[in-house]
N, C-alpha and C. Protein backbone atom coordinates (compact mmCIF):
# COMPACT_ATOMS: atom_id res chain seq x y z
N MET A 1 86.10 222.63 1.22
CA MET A 1 86.85 222.55 2.46
C MET A 1 85.95 223.00 3.61
N LYS A 2 86.12 222.34 4.76
CA LYS A 2 85.34 222.70 5.93
C LYS A 2 85.75 224.07 6.44
N LYS A 3 84.80 224.78 6.97
CA LYS A 3 85.10 226.07 7.58
C LYS A 3 85.65 225.82 8.98
N SER A 4 86.76 226.48 9.30
CA SER A 4 87.38 226.26 10.60
C SER A 4 86.67 227.09 11.68
N THR A 5 86.76 226.61 12.90
CA THR A 5 86.12 227.30 14.01
C THR A 5 87.05 227.31 15.21
N GLY A 6 86.71 228.10 16.19
CA GLY A 6 87.41 228.11 17.46
C GLY A 6 88.85 228.53 17.38
N LYS A 7 89.70 227.75 18.06
CA LYS A 7 91.12 228.07 18.16
C LYS A 7 91.80 228.12 16.79
N ASN A 8 91.42 227.21 15.90
CA ASN A 8 92.00 227.20 14.57
C ASN A 8 91.72 228.51 13.84
N GLN A 9 90.52 229.01 13.98
CA GLN A 9 90.15 230.28 13.35
C GLN A 9 90.97 231.43 13.92
N MET A 10 91.24 231.40 15.23
CA MET A 10 92.05 232.44 15.85
C MET A 10 93.47 232.39 15.31
N ASN A 11 94.01 231.19 15.13
CA ASN A 11 95.36 231.06 14.59
C ASN A 11 95.42 231.62 13.17
N ARG A 12 94.40 231.36 12.38
CA ARG A 12 94.36 231.89 11.02
C ARG A 12 94.37 233.41 11.03
N LYS A 13 93.63 233.99 11.92
CA LYS A 13 93.57 235.46 12.02
C LYS A 13 94.97 236.02 12.32
N LYS A 14 95.70 235.36 13.20
CA LYS A 14 97.04 235.83 13.54
C LYS A 14 97.96 235.73 12.32
N PHE A 15 97.87 234.62 11.61
CA PHE A 15 98.68 234.47 10.40
C PHE A 15 98.30 235.52 9.36
N GLU A 16 97.00 235.78 9.20
CA GLU A 16 96.56 236.77 8.22
C GLU A 16 97.09 238.15 8.56
N GLU A 17 97.16 238.48 9.85
CA GLU A 17 97.73 239.76 10.26
C GLU A 17 99.20 239.85 9.85
N VAL A 18 99.95 238.77 10.04
CA VAL A 18 101.37 238.75 9.67
C VAL A 18 101.51 238.86 8.15
N PHE A 19 100.68 238.11 7.41
CA PHE A 19 100.73 238.18 5.95
C PHE A 19 100.54 239.62 5.48
N LYS A 20 99.51 240.27 5.98
CA LYS A 20 99.19 241.64 5.56
C LYS A 20 100.29 242.61 5.98
N LYS A 21 100.85 242.40 7.16
CA LYS A 21 101.93 243.26 7.65
C LYS A 21 103.12 243.24 6.70
N HIS A 22 103.36 242.09 6.09
CA HIS A 22 104.49 241.93 5.19
C HIS A 22 104.12 242.09 3.72
N GLY A 23 102.90 242.56 3.47
CA GLY A 23 102.51 242.89 2.10
C GLY A 23 101.92 241.76 1.28
N TYR A 24 101.56 240.66 1.92
CA TYR A 24 100.97 239.53 1.20
C TYR A 24 99.44 239.58 1.34
N PHE A 25 98.78 239.90 0.23
CA PHE A 25 97.33 240.00 0.26
C PHE A 25 96.66 238.96 -0.62
N ASP A 26 97.42 238.34 -1.49
CA ASP A 26 96.87 237.37 -2.43
C ASP A 26 97.28 235.95 -2.01
N TYR A 27 96.47 235.34 -1.15
CA TYR A 27 96.74 233.99 -0.68
C TYR A 27 95.41 233.26 -0.52
N LYS A 28 95.50 231.96 -0.38
CA LYS A 28 94.30 231.15 -0.24
C LYS A 28 94.61 230.02 0.74
N TRP A 29 93.75 229.82 1.72
CA TRP A 29 93.90 228.70 2.64
C TRP A 29 93.48 227.43 1.92
N ILE A 30 94.30 226.39 2.03
CA ILE A 30 93.96 225.11 1.43
C ILE A 30 94.10 224.01 2.48
N ASP A 31 93.42 222.92 2.23
CA ASP A 31 93.51 221.75 3.09
C ASP A 31 94.80 221.01 2.75
N PRO A 32 95.67 220.73 3.73
CA PRO A 32 96.92 220.03 3.43
C PRO A 32 96.71 218.69 2.74
N LYS A 33 95.56 218.09 2.92
CA LYS A 33 95.27 216.81 2.26
C LYS A 33 95.18 216.95 0.75
N GLN A 34 95.02 218.18 0.26
CA GLN A 34 94.94 218.43 -1.17
C GLN A 34 96.32 218.47 -1.83
N ILE A 35 97.38 218.53 -1.04
CA ILE A 35 98.73 218.62 -1.57
C ILE A 35 99.23 217.22 -1.89
N VAL A 36 99.60 217.02 -3.14
CA VAL A 36 100.08 215.71 -3.59
C VAL A 36 101.57 215.83 -3.91
N VAL A 37 102.35 214.95 -3.31
CA VAL A 37 103.79 214.92 -3.55
C VAL A 37 104.15 213.52 -4.05
N ALA A 38 104.89 213.46 -5.12
CA ALA A 38 105.29 212.18 -5.67
C ALA A 38 106.23 211.46 -4.70
N GLN A 39 106.17 210.15 -4.70
CA GLN A 39 106.98 209.33 -3.80
C GLN A 39 108.47 209.57 -4.02
N TRP A 40 108.88 209.80 -5.29
CA TRP A 40 110.30 209.99 -5.58
C TRP A 40 110.86 211.23 -4.88
N ALA A 41 110.01 212.24 -4.69
CA ALA A 41 110.49 213.47 -4.04
C ALA A 41 110.85 213.19 -2.59
N ARG A 42 110.04 212.41 -1.91
CA ARG A 42 110.33 212.06 -0.53
C ARG A 42 111.59 211.21 -0.45
N LEU A 43 111.70 210.24 -1.34
CA LEU A 43 112.87 209.36 -1.35
C LEU A 43 114.14 210.11 -1.73
N LYS A 44 114.03 211.08 -2.63
CA LYS A 44 115.20 211.87 -3.01
C LYS A 44 115.75 212.59 -1.79
N CYS A 45 114.86 213.14 -0.99
CA CYS A 45 115.31 213.84 0.21
C CYS A 45 115.91 212.88 1.24
N THR A 46 115.44 211.65 1.23
CA THR A 46 115.98 210.67 2.18
C THR A 46 117.34 210.16 1.73
N PHE A 47 117.51 209.89 0.43
CA PHE A 47 118.72 209.24 -0.05
C PHE A 47 119.59 210.10 -0.95
N GLY A 48 119.04 211.17 -1.55
CA GLY A 48 119.78 211.90 -2.55
C GLY A 48 120.34 213.24 -2.10
N CYS A 49 119.87 213.74 -1.00
CA CYS A 49 120.33 215.05 -0.54
C CYS A 49 121.70 214.95 0.14
N LYS A 50 122.54 215.92 -0.13
CA LYS A 50 123.88 215.93 0.45
C LYS A 50 123.84 216.32 1.93
N ASN A 51 122.86 217.11 2.32
CA ASN A 51 122.80 217.63 3.70
C ASN A 51 122.18 216.63 4.63
């Protein structure tokens, strides 16, 4: 994954402060492009959810 710079890096620092404040120390930043969701999950939310 590319190393973030500038404004993005500042946003990460703010999030990390909040994580630590609430006791979360074991986390890992990932690229959202690495997240794979099956097509049926998206369609279920479109057609199958009651809300």
